Amino acid sequence: MTTAWPLPVRLRGVLRSPRATFEALAAAPRWADVLVVTSLAAASTTALVLETDIGRLALVDHLDRTATALGRPLDNGQYAALQETGALGTAYAVVTALINGPVLAAALSALLVGVLRPGAGSSVTYRQVLAVVSHAGVILALRQLMAAPLTYARETLASPLTFATVFTLLDETSPLSRFAGMVDVFVVWWIVVLATGVSVLYRRPAARVAVTFTGVYIVLAALAALAVAITGGSA
């Protein structure tokens, strides 16, 4: 029986040697411990910011901008309700961490198992895929850890890690600026790491899988930017 790598080794391995880490996970799948650690890290870090005065105002502004982007500007009563919601920073942080952690891992794993059907003689299990997806989530947790102090400094929940930070001279309402604001540097990194894990399990070229996954992400980002432009909101 193959011995599983200790959690600290796996966490470090995702960042430094993902292929070797995923090969070890394929032989001895583990997922629960990494989901607990990354979810707690993301939730606690975000909550620390959102429970400050600056964080509460940033949360209210974020919810207000989201409603406006969907073409549903808020009236005074709704805005007042958002201000009350702004005091629930910890709850918001926990829910967000759960969605981006266990919920995303379980749903994405099921999708990958369904779409990437094993070839003849292959025996990839849901547990193996879940182990890979859960460990790739280390990148998303790291994203939250880095974004938290930047959120406080910038006084906004708008991601400071998108390509929009590179195109600062563009008009914020331009199509290119909207699109750049939808493409997150850490999400691209996460996709590449995830593609590496999938390539290990399904014995497919990592570059081809990464290009496919990245292409899907770019299309979704473009569609999201188009939807915001059509509704007349702001990204």
Protein backbone atom coordinates (compact mmCIF):
# COMPACT_ATOMS: atom_id res chain seq x y z
CA MET A 1 0.00 0.00 0.00
CA THR A 2 1.37 3.40 -1.04
CA THR A 3 1.98 5.80 1.84
CA ALA A 4 0.34 9.22 1.45
CA TRP A 5 2.54 12.29 1.62
CA PRO A 6 2.12 14.43 4.76
CA LEU A 7 -0.07 17.50 4.28
CA PRO A 8 2.77 20.09 4.58
CA VAL A 9 4.72 18.23 1.89
CA ARG A 10 1.69 18.17 -0.40
CA LEU A 11 0.98 21.88 0.12
CA ARG A 12 4.55 22.76 -0.73
CA GLY A 13 4.58 20.31 -3.61
CA VAL A 14 1.60 21.95 -5.34
CA LEU A 15 3.66 25.15 -5.55
CA ARG A 16 7.08 23.71 -6.28
CA SER A 17 6.61 20.34 -8.01
CA PRO A 18 2.94 19.83 -8.96
CA ARG A 19 3.49 16.88 -11.30
CA ALA A 20 5.31 14.80 -8.68
CA THR A 21 2.68 15.77 -6.10
CA PHE A 22 -0.19 14.72 -8.34
CA GLU A 23 1.50 11.44 -9.18
CA ALA A 24 1.71 10.74 -5.45
CA LEU A 25 -1.96 11.70 -5.02
CA ALA A 26 -2.99 9.42 -7.86
CA ALA A 27 -1.43 6.52 -5.96
CA ALA A 28 -2.77 7.60 -2.54
CA PRO A 29 -5.65 10.08 -2.92
CA ARG A 30 -6.22 12.55 -0.08
CA TRP A 31 -8.54 15.56 -0.18
CA ALA A 32 -10.32 16.30 3.13
CA ASP A 33 -7.35 17.72 5.05
CA VAL A 34 -6.27 20.11 2.30
CA LEU A 35 -9.85 21.37 1.83
CA VAL A 36 -10.14 22.09 5.56
CA VAL A 37 -6.83 23.95 5.71
CA THR A 38 -7.31 26.03 2.56
CA SER A 39 -10.93 26.89 3.38
CA LEU A 40 -10.05 27.97 6.91
CA ALA A 41 -7.13 30.03 5.66
CA ALA A 42 -9.21 31.80 3.01
CA ALA A 43 -12.18 32.40 5.32
CA SER A 44 -10.16 33.71 8.27
CA THR A 45 -8.01 35.99 6.14
CA THR A 46 -11.00 37.50 4.35
CA ALA A 47 -12.98 37.85 7.59
CA LEU A 48 -10.16 39.77 9.23
CA VAL A 49 -10.44 42.39 6.51
CA LEU A 50 -14.23 42.48 6.23
CA GLU A 51 -14.70 42.99 9.97
CA THR A 52 -12.79 46.28 9.82
CA ASP A 53 -14.54 49.56 9.02
CA ILE A 54 -12.77 49.70 5.67
CA GLY A 55 -13.69 46.10 4.93
CA ARG A 56 -17.38 46.67 5.72
CA LEU A 57 -17.52 49.66 3.39
CA ALA A 58 -15.72 47.66 0.70
CA LEU A 59 -18.24 44.83 1.04
CA VAL A 60 -21.20 47.19 0.71
CA ASP A 61 -19.59 48.82 -2.32
CA HIS A 62 -18.92 45.40 -3.86
CA LEU A 63 -22.51 44.25 -3.44
CA ASP A 64 -23.77 47.56 -4.78
CA ARG A 65 -21.52 47.35 -7.84
CA THR A 66 -22.57 43.75 -8.45
CA ALA A 67 -26.23 44.71 -8.45
CA THR A 68 -25.52 47.62 -10.79
CA ALA A 69 -23.48 45.40 -13.12
CA LEU A 70 -26.49 43.10 -13.38
CA GLY A 71 -28.58 46.05 -14.49
CA ARG A 72 -30.48 46.34 -11.21
CA PRO A 73 -29.41 49.58 -9.50
CA LEU A 74 -30.37 49.77 -5.84
CA ASP A 75 -32.81 52.23 -4.31
CA ASN A 76 -32.19 53.88 -0.94
CA GLY A 77 -33.97 51.17 1.03
CA GLN A 78 -32.00 48.39 -0.63
CA TYR A 79 -28.75 50.26 -0.10
CA ALA A 80 -29.56 50.65 3.59
CA ALA A 81 -30.13 46.89 3.74
CA LEU A 82 -26.72 46.37 2.14
CA GLN A 83 -25.13 48.51 4.81
CA GLU A 84 -26.57 46.16 7.43
CA THR A 85 -25.23 43.22 5.44
CA GLY A 86 -21.82 44.88 5.50
CA ALA A 87 -21.65 44.09 9.21
CA LEU A 88 -21.77 40.37 8.39
CA GLY A 89 -18.26 40.19 7.00
CA THR A 90 -17.39 36.90 8.71
CA ALA A 91 -20.49 35.17 7.37
CA TYR A 92 -19.73 36.46 3.87
CA ALA A 93 -16.12 35.26 4.17
CA VAL A 94 -17.18 31.79 5.34
CA VAL A 95 -19.78 31.35 2.60
CA THR A 96 -17.32 32.55 -0.05
CA ALA A 97 -14.61 30.19 1.21
CA LEU A 98 -17.01 27.23 1.17
CA ILE A 99 -18.15 28.00 -2.37
CA ASN A 100 -14.61 28.46 -3.66
CA GLY A 101 -13.35 25.45 -1.69
CA PRO A 102 -15.40 22.29 -1.02
CA VAL A 103 -18.35 23.18 -3.26
CA LEU A 104 -16.17 24.07 -6.25
CA ALA A 105 -13.95 21.02 -5.71
CA ALA A 106 -16.86 18.58 -5.55
CA ALA A 107 -18.73 20.07 -8.52
CA LEU A 108 -15.67 20.49 -10.74
CA SER A 109 -14.49 16.96 -9.95
CA ALA A 110 -17.86 15.54 -10.97
CA LEU A 111 -17.75 17.58 -14.19
CA LEU A 112 -14.24 16.41 -15.05
CA VAL A 113 -15.11 12.77 -14.38
CA GLY A 114 -18.10 13.10 -16.68
CA VAL A 115 -16.34 14.96 -19.49
CA LEU A 116 -12.89 13.35 -19.43
CA ARG A 117 -14.00 9.78 -19.74
CA PRO A 118 -11.14 7.33 -19.20
CA GLY A 119 -9.79 5.46 -22.18
CA ALA A 120 -9.87 1.71 -22.57
CA GLY A 121 -8.39 -0.01 -19.57
CA SER A 122 -8.15 3.18 -17.51
CA SER A 123 -9.54 3.29 -13.97
CA VAL A 124 -9.51 6.93 -12.88
CA THR A 125 -11.81 7.33 -9.88
CA TYR A 126 -13.78 10.30 -8.57
CA ARG A 127 -11.65 10.17 -5.41
CA GLN A 128 -8.47 10.63 -7.44
CA VAL A 129 -9.93 13.55 -9.39
CA LEU A 130 -11.22 15.15 -6.18
CA ALA A 131 -7.76 14.84 -4.65
CA VAL A 132 -6.22 16.62 -7.63
CA VAL A 133 -8.85 19.38 -7.75
CA SER A 134 -8.68 19.93 -3.98
CA HIS A 135 -4.92 20.31 -4.02
CA ALA A 136 -4.99 22.61 -7.04
CA GLY A 137 -7.21 24.80 -4.84
CA VAL A 138 -4.10 25.67 -2.83
CA ILE A 139 -3.47 28.27 -5.55
CA LEU A 140 -6.91 29.83 -5.04
CA ALA A 141 -6.37 29.93 -1.27
CA LEU A 142 -3.01 31.62 -1.83
CA ARG A 143 -4.83 34.13 -4.03
CA GLN A 144 -7.12 35.03 -1.12
CA LEU A 145 -4.18 35.38 1.25
CA MET A 146 -2.46 37.81 -1.10
CA ALA A 147 -5.60 39.71 -2.03
CA ALA A 148 -6.69 40.41 1.57
CA PRO A 149 -4.08 43.07 2.47
CA LEU A 150 -4.46 44.61 -1.00
CA THR A 151 -8.23 44.78 -0.49
CA TYR A 152 -7.68 46.70 2.74
CA ALA A 153 -5.14 49.04 1.18
CA ARG A 154 -7.28 49.72 -1.91
CA GLU A 155 -10.57 49.79 0.06
CA THR A 156 -12.36 47.63 -2.51
CA LEU A 157 -13.17 43.96 -3.04
CA ALA A 158 -12.49 44.26 -6.76
CA SER A 159 -9.71 41.78 -7.46
CA PRO A 160 -6.28 43.45 -7.47
CA LEU A 161 -4.83 40.43 -9.26
CA THR A 162 -6.47 40.74 -12.68
CA PHE A 163 -4.82 41.85 -15.90
CA ALA A 164 -6.71 45.14 -15.57
CA THR A 165 -3.91 46.28 -13.27
CA VAL A 166 -1.58 46.09 -16.28
CA PHE A 167 -3.87 48.09 -18.56
CA THR A 168 -4.38 51.01 -16.17
CA LEU A 169 -4.41 53.60 -18.97
CA LEU A 170 -7.46 52.08 -20.65
CA ASP A 171 -10.93 53.52 -20.27
CA GLU A 172 -12.65 51.45 -17.57
CA THR A 173 -15.73 51.13 -19.77
CA SER A 174 -13.83 49.91 -22.82
CA PRO A 175 -14.33 46.27 -23.94
CA LEU A 176 -10.63 45.46 -23.48
CA SER A 177 -10.59 46.90 -19.96
CA ARG A 178 -13.73 44.98 -19.01
CA PHE A 179 -12.22 41.77 -20.38
CA ALA A 180 -8.88 42.34 -18.62
CA GLY A 181 -10.77 42.84 -15.38
CA MET A 182 -12.32 39.39 -15.75
CA VAL A 183 -9.03 37.51 -16.23
CA ASP A 184 -7.28 36.80 -12.94
CA VAL A 185 -3.57 35.97 -12.87
CA PHE A 186 -3.96 33.44 -10.05
CA VAL A 187 -6.89 31.74 -11.75
CA VAL A 188 -4.72 31.23 -14.82
CA TRP A 189 -2.03 29.74 -12.56
CA TRP A 190 -4.66 27.51 -10.93
CA ILE A 191 -5.82 26.32 -14.36
CA VAL A 192 -2.27 25.36 -15.36
CA VAL A 193 -1.75 23.44 -12.09
CA LEU A 194 -5.13 21.74 -12.44
CA ALA A 195 -4.32 20.81 -16.03
CA THR A 196 -1.08 19.22 -14.82
CA GLY A 197 -3.02 17.06 -12.37
CA VAL A 198 -5.58 16.04 -14.98
CA SER A 199 -2.81 15.13 -17.41
CA VAL A 200 -1.25 12.88 -14.76
CA LEU A 201 -4.51 11.04 -14.09
CA TYR A 202 -5.68 10.68 -17.67
CA ARG A 203 -2.24 10.34 -19.28
CA ARG A 204 -2.80 13.22 -21.67
CA PRO A 205 -0.30 15.92 -22.75
CA ALA A 206 -0.24 18.61 -20.05
CA ALA A 207 0.20 21.43 -22.57
CA ARG A 208 -2.86 20.37 -24.56
CA VAL A 209 -5.01 20.11 -21.43
CA ALA A 210 -3.78 23.50 -20.17
CA VAL A 211 -4.54 25.19 -23.49
CA THR A 212 -8.03 23.67 -23.54
CA PHE A 213 -8.84 24.69 -19.96
CA THR A 214 -7.40 28.18 -20.46
CA GLY A 215 -9.39 28.59 -23.66
CA VAL A 216 -12.61 27.75 -21.82
CA TYR A 217 -11.74 30.29 -19.11
CA ILE A 218 -10.98 33.01 -21.66
CA VAL A 219 -14.29 32.40 -23.44
CA LEU A 220 -16.20 32.56 -20.15
CA ALA A 221 -14.38 35.76 -19.19
CA ALA A 222 -15.22 37.31 -22.56
CA LEU A 223 -18.88 36.33 -22.20
CA ALA A 224 -18.97 37.80 -18.69
CA ALA A 225 -17.45 41.06 -19.93
CA LEU A 226 -19.97 41.15 -22.78
CA ALA A 227 -22.86 40.57 -20.36
CA VAL A 228 -21.69 43.46 -18.18
CA ALA A 229 -21.39 45.71 -21.24
CA ILE A 230 -24.88 44.80 -22.44
CA THR A 231 -26.47 45.51 -19.06
CA GLY A 232 -24.64 48.80 -18.90
CA GLY A 233 -22.95 47.96 -15.61
CA SER A 234 -19.33 48.18 -14.62
CA ALA A 235 -16.91 45.30 -14.09
